[in-house]
Amino acid sequence: MPAASDRFPDRYGPDVLSSGPPAHHRRRPVAREVPAQRDLVVEEAGTGFTGAITRVEKIAGEVVVELEDGRGARRTFPLGPGFMIDGEPVLLTRAAPRALAPVRKRSASGSVYVEGARARTARASRIWVEGTHDAELVQKVWGHDLRIEGIVVEQLEGADNLVERVEAFGPSAGRRLGILVDHLVPGSKESRIAAEVMKLPGARGNVEVLGHPYVDVWQAVRPARVGLREWPHIPKGTDIKVGSLAALGWPHEDSADIGIGWQRILSTVRSYADVEPSLSGRIEELIDFVTVDPS
């Protein structure tokens, strides 16, 4: 008759304290490598932030992955370990380039790029923005669309004289005005001016005043483009441009420094995806408004 040890082998080994875990012990899950493909939904294990991958890029010497959750919030994290898919740990890697079928070229605004198209003769309708930086950002992202549609973007140099400017313009059915102002929030000076504008003769149906919530258009550029998680809060009494450049560690002593700083920020904007939706959506609305066929 076989010995008991032969009939019932000891699965646990002779010494439970010996070095080297027995085969039956639970092993720590090994993270599998997963290419970071666009729209793949992952969870960042450290924060619990879950979202779809929107892009993988190199910022300030580090490769990061951007995730967008179901509410449109976006965050960037270092590419690599620390992510989960369906509760299982994964190591995100750069996806290998794929051979793609020919696609239609897109402009910076996301519209279909029209090769060799000449600018349309300027319409009587206009889009007004507050300052130089607003105009440069709009032109960089939506310039192709504006040329195709024949829309001229003009600067206001502030919104204080907006009522007088609109009266002098004389809006009408074939002469529409789309106006973008900074800091258009309830109770702000800009909101009161916008309300006065809309009381002017000819304004209703021919003037659209829209805005973004930021004190300055700089903050409408996604902060990740300049290596920030969020734009800094600048206390009252400090120029927002000076404070922002100081937070970035960039020169900020005079107007030349401010101009150079803005150009550095603007150079990071490649398309509408680098601009907050609270601005890009308003620009799209204004373009649609001023290009409506008056007939």
C-alpha atoms as a PDB file:
ATOM      1  CA  MET A   1       0.000   0.000   0.000  1.00  0.00           C
ATOM      2  CA  PRO A   2       1.508   3.405  -0.968  1.00  0.00           C
ATOM      3  CA  ALA A   3       2.637   5.646   1.839  1.00  0.00           C
ATOM      4  CA  ALA A   4       0.330   8.487   2.876  1.00  0.00           C
ATOM      5  CA  SER A   5       2.790  10.998   1.479  1.00  0.00           C
ATOM      6  CA  ASP A   6       2.523   9.340  -1.942  1.00  0.00           C
ATOM      7  CA  ARG A   7      -1.255   9.183  -1.865  1.00  0.00           C
ATOM      8  CA  PHE A   8      -1.690  12.730  -0.549  1.00  0.00           C
ATOM      9  CA  PRO A   9       1.234  14.870  -1.761  1.00  0.00           C
ATOM     10  CA  ASP A  10       1.996  17.907   0.371  1.00  0.00           C
ATOM     11  CA  ARG A  11       1.021  20.863  -1.799  1.00  0.00           C
ATOM     12  CA  TYR A  12       2.403  23.335   0.696  1.00  0.00           C
ATOM     13  CA  GLY A  13       5.978  22.046   0.956  1.00  0.00           C
ATOM     14  CA  PRO A  14       7.867  21.079   4.069  1.00  0.00           C
ATOM     15  CA  ASP A  15       8.615  24.619   5.306  1.00  0.00           C
ATOM     16  CA  VAL A  16       6.114  27.419   4.903  1.00  0.00           C
ATOM     17  CA  LEU A  17       8.743  29.975   5.994  1.00  0.00           C
ATOM     18  CA  SER A  18      11.364  28.933   3.462  1.00  0.00           C
ATOM     19  CA  SER A  19      12.519  31.460   0.852  1.00  0.00           C
ATOM     20  CA  GLY A  20      10.784  31.450  -2.492  1.00  0.00           C
ATOM     21  CA  PRO A  21       6.994  31.498  -2.663  1.00  0.00           C
ATOM     22  CA  PRO A  22       5.291  28.176  -3.401  1.00  0.00           C
ATOM     23  CA  ALA A  23       3.626  27.887  -6.741  1.00  0.00           C
ATOM     24  CA  HIS A  24       0.148  28.188  -5.276  1.00  0.00           C
ATOM     25  CA  HIS A  25       0.731  31.668  -3.814  1.00  0.00           C
ATOM     26  CA  ARG A  26      -1.021  34.566  -5.516  1.00  0.00           C
ATOM     27  CA  ARG A  27       1.388  36.564  -7.653  1.00  0.00           C
ATOM     28  CA  ARG A  28       1.203  40.279  -8.210  1.00  0.00           C
ATOM     29  CA  PRO A  29      -0.475  40.940 -11.581  1.00  0.00           C
ATOM     30  CA  VAL A  30       1.993  41.768 -14.301  1.00  0.00           C
ATOM     31  CA  ALA A  31       1.065  44.865 -16.290  1.00  0.00           C
ATOM     32  CA  ARG A  32       0.653  44.043 -19.945  1.00  0.00           C
ATOM     33  CA  GLU A  33       1.800  46.476 -22.577  1.00  0.00           C
ATOM     34  CA  VAL A  34      -0.988  48.229 -24.465  1.00  0.00           C
ATOM     35  CA  PRO A  35      -0.468  50.724 -27.316  1.00  0.00           C
ATOM     36  CA  ALA A  36      -1.973  54.122 -26.465  1.00  0.00           C
ATOM     37  CA  GLN A  37      -4.475  54.322 -29.301  1.00  0.00           C
ATOM     38  CA  ARG A  38      -6.822  57.286 -29.653  1.00  0.00           C
ATOM     39  CA  ASP A  39     -10.248  56.746 -27.983  1.00  0.00           C
ATOM     40  CA  LEU A  40      -8.992  53.845 -25.842  1.00  0.00           C
ATOM     41  CA  VAL A  41     -10.542  54.253 -22.375  1.00  0.00           C
ATOM     42  CA  VAL A  42      -8.124  53.844 -19.463  1.00  0.00           C
ATOM     43  CA  GLU A  43      -7.975  54.688 -15.772  1.00  0.00           C
ATOM     44  CA  GLU A  44      -5.005  56.416 -14.156  1.00  0.00           C
ATOM     45  CA  ALA A  45      -4.521  54.278 -11.049  1.00  0.00           C
ATOM     46  CA  GLY A  46      -3.073  56.977  -8.809  1.00  0.00           C
ATOM     47  CA  THR A  47      -5.943  59.461  -9.173  1.00  0.00           C
ATOM     48  CA  GLY A  48      -8.780  57.294 -10.472  1.00  0.00           C
ATOM     49  CA  PHE A  49      -9.232  59.678 -13.404  1.00  0.00           C
ATOM     50  CA  THR A  50     -10.821  57.709 -16.252  1.00  0.00           C
ATOM     51  CA  GLY A  51     -11.088  58.875 -19.823  1.00  0.00           C
ATOM     52  CA  ALA A  52     -10.490  58.240 -23.489  1.00  0.00           C
ATOM     53  CA  ILE A  53      -7.052  58.845 -24.942  1.00  0.00           C
ATOM     54  CA  THR A  54      -7.036  61.984 -27.085  1.00  0.00           C
ATOM     55  CA  ARG A  55      -3.329  62.287 -27.858  1.00  0.00           C
ATOM     56  CA  VAL A  56       0.201  61.193 -26.999  1.00  0.00           C
ATOM     57  CA  GLU A  57       2.882  63.857 -27.282  1.00  0.00           C
ATOM     58  CA  LYS A  58       6.156  65.116 -25.904  1.00  0.00           C
ATOM     59  CA  ILE A  59       5.941  68.166 -23.611  1.00  0.00           C
ATOM     60  CA  ALA A  60       8.949  69.654 -21.855  1.00  0.00           C
ATOM     61  CA  GLY A  61      11.003  66.556 -22.640  1.00  0.00           C
ATOM     62  CA  GLU A  62       8.441  64.092 -21.235  1.00  0.00           C
ATOM     63  CA  VAL A  63       6.108  61.848 -23.220  1.00  0.00           C
ATOM     64  CA  VAL A  64       2.585  62.254 -21.869  1.00  0.00           C
ATOM     65  CA  VAL A  65      -0.849  60.885 -22.664  1.00  0.00           C
ATOM     66  CA  GLU A  66      -3.937  63.093 -22.528  1.00  0.00           C
ATOM     67  CA  LEU A  67      -7.238  61.640 -21.288  1.00  0.00           C
ATOM     68  CA  GLU A  68     -10.715  63.165 -21.660  1.00  0.00           C
ATOM     69  CA  ASP A  69     -13.507  62.044 -19.342  1.00  0.00           C
ATOM     70  CA  GLY A  70     -17.211  61.899 -20.120  1.00  0.00           C
ATOM     71  CA  ARG A  71     -17.727  65.520 -19.069  1.00  0.00           C
ATOM     72  CA  GLY A  72     -15.034  66.880 -21.367  1.00  0.00           C
ATOM     73  CA  ALA A  73     -12.406  67.418 -18.643  1.00  0.00           C
ATOM     74  CA  ARG A  74      -8.889  66.676 -19.870  1.00  0.00           C
ATOM     75  CA  ARG A  75      -5.758  65.724 -17.916  1.00  0.00           C
ATOM     76  CA  THR A  76      -2.287  64.623 -18.932  1.00  0.00           C
ATOM     77  CA  PHE A  77      -0.185  61.892 -17.328  1.00  0.00           C
ATOM     78  CA  PRO A  78       3.275  60.437 -18.026  1.00  0.00           C
ATOM     79  CA  LEU A  79       3.091  57.631 -20.574  1.00  0.00           C
ATOM     80  CA  GLY A  80       4.053  54.231 -19.175  1.00  0.00           C
ATOM     81  CA  PRO A  81       2.939  52.252 -16.097  1.00  0.00           C
ATOM     82  CA  GLY A  82       0.225  53.244 -13.656  1.00  0.00           C
ATOM     83  CA  PHE A  83      -2.871  52.740 -15.807  1.00  0.00           C
ATOM     84  CA  MET A  84      -5.707  50.207 -15.716  1.00  0.00           C
ATOM     85  CA  ILE A  85      -8.160  48.778 -18.214  1.00  0.00           C
ATOM     86  CA  ASP A  86     -11.157  46.896 -16.809  1.00  0.00           C
ATOM     87  CA  GLY A  87      -9.395  46.673 -13.456  1.00  0.00           C
ATOM     88  CA  GLU A  88      -6.227  45.132 -14.868  1.00  0.00           C
ATOM     89  CA  PRO A  89      -2.904  46.987 -14.752  1.00  0.00           C
ATOM     90  CA  VAL A  90      -1.448  48.033 -18.106  1.00  0.00           C
ATOM     91  CA  LEU A  91       1.665  49.783 -19.307  1.00  0.00           C
ATOM     92  CA  LEU A  92       0.806  52.282 -22.005  1.00  0.00           C
ATOM     93  CA  THR A  93       3.265  52.462 -24.878  1.00  0.00           C
ATOM     94  CA  ARG A  94       3.440  54.618 -27.956  1.00  0.00           C
ATOM     95  CA  ALA A  95       1.359  53.118 -30.724  1.00  0.00           C
ATOM     96  CA  ALA A  96       3.274  52.073 -33.805  1.00  0.00           C
ATOM     97  CA  PRO A  97       2.607  54.262 -36.840  1.00  0.00           C
ATOM     98  CA  ARG A  98      -0.089  52.776 -39.019  1.00  0.00           C
ATOM     99  CA  ALA A  99      -0.438  52.961 -42.733  1.00  0.00           C
ATOM    100  CA  LEU A 100      -3.534  55.060 -43.198  1.00  0.00           C
ATOM    101  CA  ALA A 101      -5.799  55.430 -46.136  1.00  0.00           C
ATOM    102  CA  PRO A 102      -5.594  58.840 -47.772  1.00  0.00           C
ATOM    103  CA  VAL A 103      -7.675  61.361 -45.858  1.00  0.00           C
ATOM    104  CA  ARG A 104      -8.832  64.827 -46.691  1.00  0.00           C
ATOM    105  CA  LYS A 105      -6.509  67.467 -45.323  1.00  0.00           C
ATOM    106  CA  ARG A 106      -7.926  69.430 -42.418  1.00  0.00           C
ATOM    107  CA  SER A 107      -7.314  73.031 -41.466  1.00  0.00           C
ATOM    108  CA  ALA A 108      -6.347  74.043 -37.934  1.00  0.00           C
ATOM    109  CA  SER A 109     -10.041  74.561 -37.156  1.00  0.00           C
ATOM    110  CA  GLY A 110     -10.876  70.993 -38.184  1.00  0.00           C
ATOM    111  CA  SER A 111     -12.639  71.990 -41.390  1.00  0.00           C
ATOM    112  CA  VAL A 112     -11.753  70.479 -44.762  1.00  0.00           C
ATOM    113  CA  TYR A 113      -8.756  72.339 -46.182  1.00  0.00           C
ATOM    114  CA  VAL A 114      -9.422  73.746 -49.635  1.00  0.00           C
ATOM    115  CA  GLU A 115      -6.204  73.504 -51.652  1.00  0.00           C
ATOM    116  CA  GLY A 116      -5.347  76.533 -53.773  1.00  0.00           C
ATOM    117  CA  ALA A 117      -8.513  78.391 -52.857  1.00  0.00           C
ATOM    118  CA  ARG A 118      -8.404  82.148 -53.228  1.00  0.00           C
ATOM    119  CA  ALA A 119      -9.712  84.360 -50.479  1.00  0.00           C
ATOM    120  CA  ARG A 120     -13.291  85.409 -51.085  1.00  0.00           C
ATOM    121  CA  THR A 121     -14.018  89.103 -51.509  1.00  0.00           C
ATOM    122  CA  ALA A 122     -14.630  90.468 -48.031  1.00  0.00           C
ATOM    123  CA  ARG A 123     -18.233  90.488 -46.874  1.00  0.00           C
ATOM    124  CA  ALA A 124     -19.799  93.533 -45.286  1.00  0.00           C
ATOM    125  CA  SER A 125     -20.245  91.489 -42.117  1.00  0.00           C
ATOM    126  CA  ARG A 126     -17.407  91.469 -39.588  1.00  0.00           C
ATOM    127  CA  ILE A 127     -16.100  89.702 -36.504  1.00  0.00           C
ATOM    128  CA  TRP A 128     -14.723  91.964 -33.772  1.00  0.00           C
ATOM    129  CA  VAL A 129     -12.360  90.855 -31.017  1.00  0.00           C
ATOM    130  CA  GLU A 130     -10.933  92.880 -28.135  1.00  0.00           C
ATOM    131  CA  GLY A 131      -7.218  92.952 -28.858  1.00  0.00           C
ATOM    132  CA  THR A 132      -4.180  91.885 -30.842  1.00  0.00           C
ATOM    133  CA  HIS A 133      -3.686  88.577 -29.055  1.00  0.00           C
ATOM    134  CA  ASP A 134      -7.320  87.589 -29.577  1.00  0.00           C
ATOM    135  CA  ALA A 135      -7.026  88.398 -33.288  1.00  0.00           C
ATOM    136  CA  GLU A 136      -3.772  86.462 -33.700  1.00  0.00           C
ATOM    137  CA  LEU A 137      -5.204  83.371 -32.007  1.00  0.00           C
ATOM    138  CA  VAL A 138      -8.376  83.480 -34.101  1.00  0.00           C
ATOM    139  CA  GLN A 139      -6.388  83.930 -37.308  1.00  0.00           C
ATOM    140  CA  LYS A 140      -4.014  81.066 -36.496  1.00  0.00           C
ATOM    141  CA  VAL A 141      -6.767  78.530 -35.860  1.00  0.00           C
ATOM    142  CA  TRP A 142      -9.625  79.777 -38.053  1.00  0.00           C
ATOM    143  CA  GLY A 143      -7.755  81.843 -40.649  1.00  0.00           C
ATOM    144  CA  HIS A 144      -8.387  79.373 -43.481  1.00  0.00           C
ATOM    145  CA  ASP A 145     -12.132  79.320 -42.809  1.00  0.00           C
ATOM    146  CA  LEU A 146     -12.267  83.106 -42.564  1.00  0.00           C
ATOM    147  CA  ARG A 147     -10.488  83.572 -45.912  1.00  0.00           C
ATOM    148  CA  ILE A 148     -12.769  81.080 -47.634  1.00  0.00           C
ATOM    149  CA  GLU A 149     -15.856  82.799 -46.198  1.00  0.00           C
ATOM    150  CA  GLY A 150     -14.590  86.343 -46.800  1.00  0.00           C
ATOM    151  CA  ILE A 151     -14.807  87.376 -43.136  1.00  0.00           C
ATOM    152  CA  VAL A 152     -12.546  90.120 -41.795  1.00  0.00           C
ATOM    153  CA  VAL A 153     -11.542  90.066 -38.110  1.00  0.00           C
ATOM    154  CA  GLU A 154     -11.057  93.525 -36.583  1.00  0.00           C
ATOM    155  CA  GLN A 155      -9.698  94.605 -33.189  1.00  0.00           C
ATOM    156  CA  LEU A 156     -11.621  96.740 -30.720  1.00  0.00           C
ATOM    157  CA  GLU A 157      -8.735  97.603 -28.365  1.00  0.00           C
ATOM    158  CA  GLY A 158     -11.046  96.908 -25.458  1.00  0.00           C
ATOM    159  CA  ALA A 159     -14.815  96.785 -25.037  1.00  0.00           C
ATOM    160  CA  ASP A 160     -15.375 100.147 -23.333  1.00  0.00           C
ATOM    161  CA  ASN A 161     -16.401 101.927 -26.535  1.00  0.00           C
ATOM    162  CA  LEU A 162     -18.340  99.002 -27.983  1.00  0.00           C
ATOM    163  CA  VAL A 163     -21.746 100.710 -27.987  1.00  0.00           C
ATOM    164  CA  GLU A 164     -20.431 103.664 -29.984  1.00  0.00           C
ATOM    165  CA  ARG A 165     -18.584 101.379 -32.404  1.00  0.00           C
ATOM    166  CA  VAL A 166     -21.699  99.296 -33.108  1.00  0.00           C
ATOM    167  CA  GLU A 167     -23.813 102.429 -33.665  1.00  0.00           C
ATOM    168  CA  ALA A 168     -21.244 103.715 -36.160  1.00  0.00           C
ATOM    169  CA  PHE A 169     -21.104 100.352 -37.945  1.00  0.00           C
ATOM    170  CA  GLY A 170     -24.860 100.316 -38.571  1.00  0.00           C
ATOM    171  CA  PRO A 171     -25.728  96.591 -38.460  1.00  0.00           C
ATOM    172  CA  SER A 172     -28.399  95.304 -40.819  1.00  0.00           C
ATOM    173  CA  ALA A 173     -29.536  92.059 -42.442  1.00  0.00           C
ATOM    174  CA  GLY A 174     -26.649  92.051 -44.922  1.00  0.00           C
ATOM    175  CA  ARG A 175     -24.201  93.699 -42.563  1.00  0.00           C
ATOM    176  CA  ARG A 176     -23.898  91.536 -39.488  1.00  0.00           C
ATOM    177  CA  LEU A 177     -21.572  91.834 -36.517  1.00  0.00           C
ATOM    178  CA  GLY A 178     -20.179  88.946 -34.475  1.00  0.00           C
ATOM    179  CA  ILE A 179     -18.425  90.240 -31.351  1.00  0.00           C
ATOM    180  CA  LEU A 180     -16.144  88.281 -29.025  1.00  0.00           C
ATOM    181  CA  VAL A 181     -15.389  89.799 -25.632  1.00  0.00           C
ATOM    182  CA  ASP A 182     -13.277  88.648 -22.708  1.00  0.00           C
ATOM    183  CA  HIS A 183     -14.693  87.803 -19.288  1.00  0.00           C
ATOM    184  CA  LEU A 184     -18.331  87.674 -20.383  1.00  0.00           C
ATOM    185  CA  VAL A 185     -19.783  86.391 -17.111  1.00  0.00           C
ATOM    186  CA  PRO A 186     -22.861  87.517 -15.138  1.00  0.00           C
ATOM    187  CA  GLY A 187     -22.290  90.819 -13.356  1.00  0.00           C
ATOM    188  CA  SER A 188     -19.129  91.751 -15.223  1.00  0.00           C
ATOM    189  CA  LYS A 189     -18.571  95.080 -16.942  1.00  0.00           C
ATOM    190  CA  GLU A 190     -18.508  93.240 -20.269  1.00  0.00           C
ATOM    191  CA  SER A 191     -21.920  91.664 -19.666  1.00  0.00           C
ATOM    192  CA  ARG A 192     -23.446  95.079 -18.977  1.00  0.00           C
ATOM    193  CA  ILE A 193     -21.923  96.527 -22.151  1.00  0.00           C
ATOM    194  CA  ALA A 194     -23.200  93.570 -24.183  1.00  0.00           C
ATOM    195  CA  ALA A 195     -26.725  94.158 -22.852  1.00  0.00           C
ATOM    196  CA  GLU A 196     -26.550  97.820 -23.911  1.00  0.00           C
ATOM    197  CA  VAL A 197     -25.383  96.842 -27.397  1.00  0.00           C
ATOM    198  CA  MET A 198     -28.325  94.544 -27.928  1.00  0.00           C
ATOM    199  CA  LYS A 199     -30.746  97.419 -27.191  1.00  0.00           C
ATOM    200  CA  LEU A 200     -29.415  99.440 -30.144  1.00  0.00           C
ATOM    201  CA  PRO A 201     -31.578  99.894 -33.275  1.00  0.00           C
ATOM    202  CA  GLY A 202     -30.865  97.141 -35.777  1.00  0.00           C
ATOM    203  CA  ALA A 203     -28.933  95.011 -33.293  1.00  0.00           C
ATOM    204  CA  ARG A 204     -31.511  92.297 -32.728  1.00  0.00           C
ATOM    205  CA  GLY A 205     -30.937  89.527 -35.254  1.00  0.00           C
ATOM    206  CA  ASN A 206     -27.947  91.315 -36.781  1.00  0.00           C
ATOM    207  CA  VAL A 207     -25.528  91.480 -33.836  1.00  0.00           C
ATOM    208  CA  GLU A 208     -24.265  88.556 -31.771  1.00  0.00           C
ATOM    209  CA  VAL A 209     -22.160  89.256 -28.673  1.00  0.00           C
ATOM    210  CA  LEU A 210     -20.447  86.166 -27.299  1.00  0.00           C
ATOM    211  CA  GLY A 211     -17.535  85.702 -24.966  1.00  0.00           C
ATOM    212  CA  HIS A 212     -15.431  83.402 -22.863  1.00  0.00           C
ATOM    213  CA  PRO A 213     -15.098  83.364 -19.051  1.00  0.00           C
ATOM    214  CA  TYR A 214     -11.380  84.206 -18.976  1.00  0.00           C
ATOM    215  CA  VAL A 215      -9.997  87.595 -17.974  1.00  0.00           C
ATOM    216  CA  ASP A 216      -7.541  87.304 -20.859  1.00  0.00           C
ATOM    217  CA  VAL A 217      -7.503  85.143 -23.984  1.00  0.00           C
ATOM    218  CA  TRP A 218      -4.155  83.646 -22.902  1.00  0.00           C
ATOM    219  CA  GLN A 219      -6.065  81.433 -20.473  1.00  0.00           C
ATOM    220  CA  ALA A 220      -8.135  80.010 -23.328  1.00  0.00           C
ATOM    221  CA  VAL A 221      -5.029  78.152 -24.517  1.00  0.00           C
ATOM    222  CA  ARG A 222      -4.928  74.757 -22.820  1.00  0.00           C
ATOM    223  CA  PRO A 223      -2.365  75.060 -19.995  1.00  0.00           C
ATOM    224  CA  ALA A 224      -0.785  71.703 -20.875  1.00  0.00           C
ATOM    225  CA  ARG A 225       0.557  73.316 -24.045  1.00  0.00           C
ATOM    226  CA  VAL A 226       3.004  75.325 -21.911  1.00  0.00           C
ATOM    227  CA  GLY A 227       3.666  72.626 -19.324  1.00  0.00           C
ATOM    228  CA  LEU A 228       1.102  73.723 -16.720  1.00  0.00           C
ATOM    229  CA  ARG A 229      -1.676  71.705 -15.120  1.00  0.00           C
ATOM    230  CA  GLU A 230      -3.745  74.877 -14.891  1.00  0.00           C
ATOM    231  CA  TRP A 231      -3.244  78.572 -15.402  1.00  0.00           C
ATOM    232  CA  PRO A 232      -2.272  80.326 -12.166  1.00  0.00           C
ATOM    233  CA  HIS A 233      -4.697  82.499 -10.235  1.00  0.00           C
ATOM    234  CA  ILE A 234      -3.462  86.072 -10.547  1.00  0.00           C
ATOM    235  CA  PRO A 235      -4.539  88.348  -7.655  1.00  0.00           C
ATOM    236  CA  LYS A 236      -6.298  91.626  -8.351  1.00  0.00           C
ATOM    237  CA  GLY A 237      -3.872  94.460  -8.883  1.00  0.00           C
ATOM    238  CA  THR A 238      -1.407  92.320 -10.822  1.00  0.00           C
ATOM    239  CA  ASP A 239      -1.497  92.377 -14.609  1.00  0.00           C
ATOM    240  CA  ILE A 240      -2.645  88.941 -15.675  1.00  0.00           C
ATOM    241  CA  LYS A 241      -0.061  88.724 -18.454  1.00  0.00           C
ATOM    242  CA  VAL A 242       2.789  89.689 -16.126  1.00  0.00           C
ATOM    243  CA  GLY A 243       1.579  87.261 -13.465  1.00  0.00           C
ATOM    244  CA  SER A 244       1.199  84.417 -15.952  1.00  0.00           C
ATOM    245  CA  LEU A 245       4.704  84.908 -17.368  1.00  0.00           C
ATOM    246  CA  ALA A 246       6.132  85.071 -13.851  1.00  0.00           C
ATOM    247  CA  ALA A 247       4.421  81.775 -12.989  1.00  0.00           C
ATOM    248  CA  LEU A 248       5.962  80.217 -16.097  1.00  0.00           C
ATOM    249  CA  GLY A 249       9.380  81.518 -15.117  1.00  0.00           C
ATOM    250  CA  TRP A 250       9.629  83.579 -18.298  1.00  0.00           C
ATOM    251  CA  PRO A 251      10.828  87.197 -18.611  1.00  0.00           C
ATOM    252  CA  HIS A 252       8.048  89.656 -17.735  1.00  0.00           C
ATOM    253  CA  GLU A 253       9.621  93.041 -17.078  1.00  0.00           C
ATOM    254  CA  ASP A 254       8.202  95.088 -19.948  1.00  0.00           C
ATOM    255  CA  SER A 255       5.922  95.083 -22.987  1.00  0.00           C
ATOM    256  CA  ALA A 256       8.632  93.459 -25.119  1.00  0.00           C
ATOM    257  CA  ASP A 257       8.776  90.510 -22.685  1.00  0.00           C
ATOM    258  CA  ILE A 258       4.974  90.247 -22.793  1.00  0.00           C
ATOM    259  CA  GLY A 259       4.980  90.208 -26.593  1.00  0.00           C
ATOM    260  CA  ILE A 260       7.671  87.524 -26.727  1.00  0.00           C
ATOM    261  CA  GLY A 261       5.876  85.504 -24.063  1.00  0.00           C
ATOM    262  CA  TRP A 262       2.614  85.572 -26.014  1.00  0.00           C
ATOM    263  CA  GLN A 263       4.364  84.438 -29.183  1.00  0.00           C
ATOM    264  CA  ARG A 264       5.828  81.489 -27.257  1.00  0.00           C
ATOM    265  CA  ILE A 265       2.353  80.555 -26.067  1.00  0.00           C
ATOM    266  CA  LEU A 266       0.799  81.053 -29.499  1.00  0.00           C
ATOM    267  CA  SER A 267       3.492  78.882 -31.108  1.00  0.00           C
ATOM    268  CA  THR A 268       2.261  75.893 -29.079  1.00  0.00           C
ATOM    269  CA  VAL A 269      -1.247  76.144 -30.568  1.00  0.00           C
ATOM    270  CA  ARG A 270      -1.560  73.806 -33.537  1.00  0.00           C
ATOM    271  CA  SER A 271      -5.315  73.448 -33.896  1.00  0.00           C
ATOM    272  CA  TYR A 272      -8.674  74.034 -32.211  1.00  0.00           C
ATOM    273  CA  ALA A 273      -7.889  71.061 -29.920  1.00  0.00           C
ATOM    274  CA  ASP A 274      -5.285  73.224 -28.137  1.00  0.00           C
ATOM    275  CA  VAL A 275      -7.922  75.835 -27.280  1.00  0.00           C
ATOM    276  CA  GLU A 276     -10.541  75.511 -24.564  1.00  0.00           C
ATOM    277  CA  PRO A 277     -14.032  74.672 -25.893  1.00  0.00           C
ATOM    278  CA  SER A 278     -15.397  77.735 -24.084  1.00  0.00           C
ATOM    279  CA  LEU A 279     -13.530  79.819 -26.673  1.00  0.00           C
ATOM    280  CA  SER A 280     -13.466  77.601 -29.760  1.00  0.00           C
ATOM    281  CA  GLY A 281     -17.197  76.972 -29.579  1.00  0.00           C
ATOM    282  CA  ARG A 282     -17.917  80.689 -29.463  1.00  0.00           C
ATOM    283  CA  ILE A 283     -15.724  81.405 -32.490  1.00  0.00           C
ATOM    284  CA  GLU A 284     -17.524  78.720 -34.497  1.00  0.00           C
ATOM    285  CA  GLU A 285     -20.864  80.263 -33.523  1.00  0.00           C
ATOM    286  CA  LEU A 286     -19.755  83.736 -34.594  1.00  0.00           C
ATOM    287  CA  ILE A 287     -18.495  82.491 -37.968  1.00  0.00           C
ATOM    288  CA  ASP A 288     -21.800  80.741 -38.562  1.00  0.00           C
ATOM    289  CA  PHE A 289     -23.710  83.861 -37.525  1.00  0.00           C
ATOM    290  CA  VAL A 290     -21.955  86.292 -39.871  1.00  0.00           C
ATOM    291  CA  THR A 291     -22.004  83.914 -42.850  1.00  0.00           C
ATOM    292  CA  VAL A 292     -25.747  83.300 -42.808  1.00  0.00           C
ATOM    293  CA  ASP A 293     -27.341  84.081 -46.159  1.00  0.00           C
ATOM    294  CA  PRO A 294     -29.490  87.197 -45.556  1.00  0.00           C
ATOM    295  CA  SER A 295     -32.044  85.966 -48.054  1.00  0.00           C
END
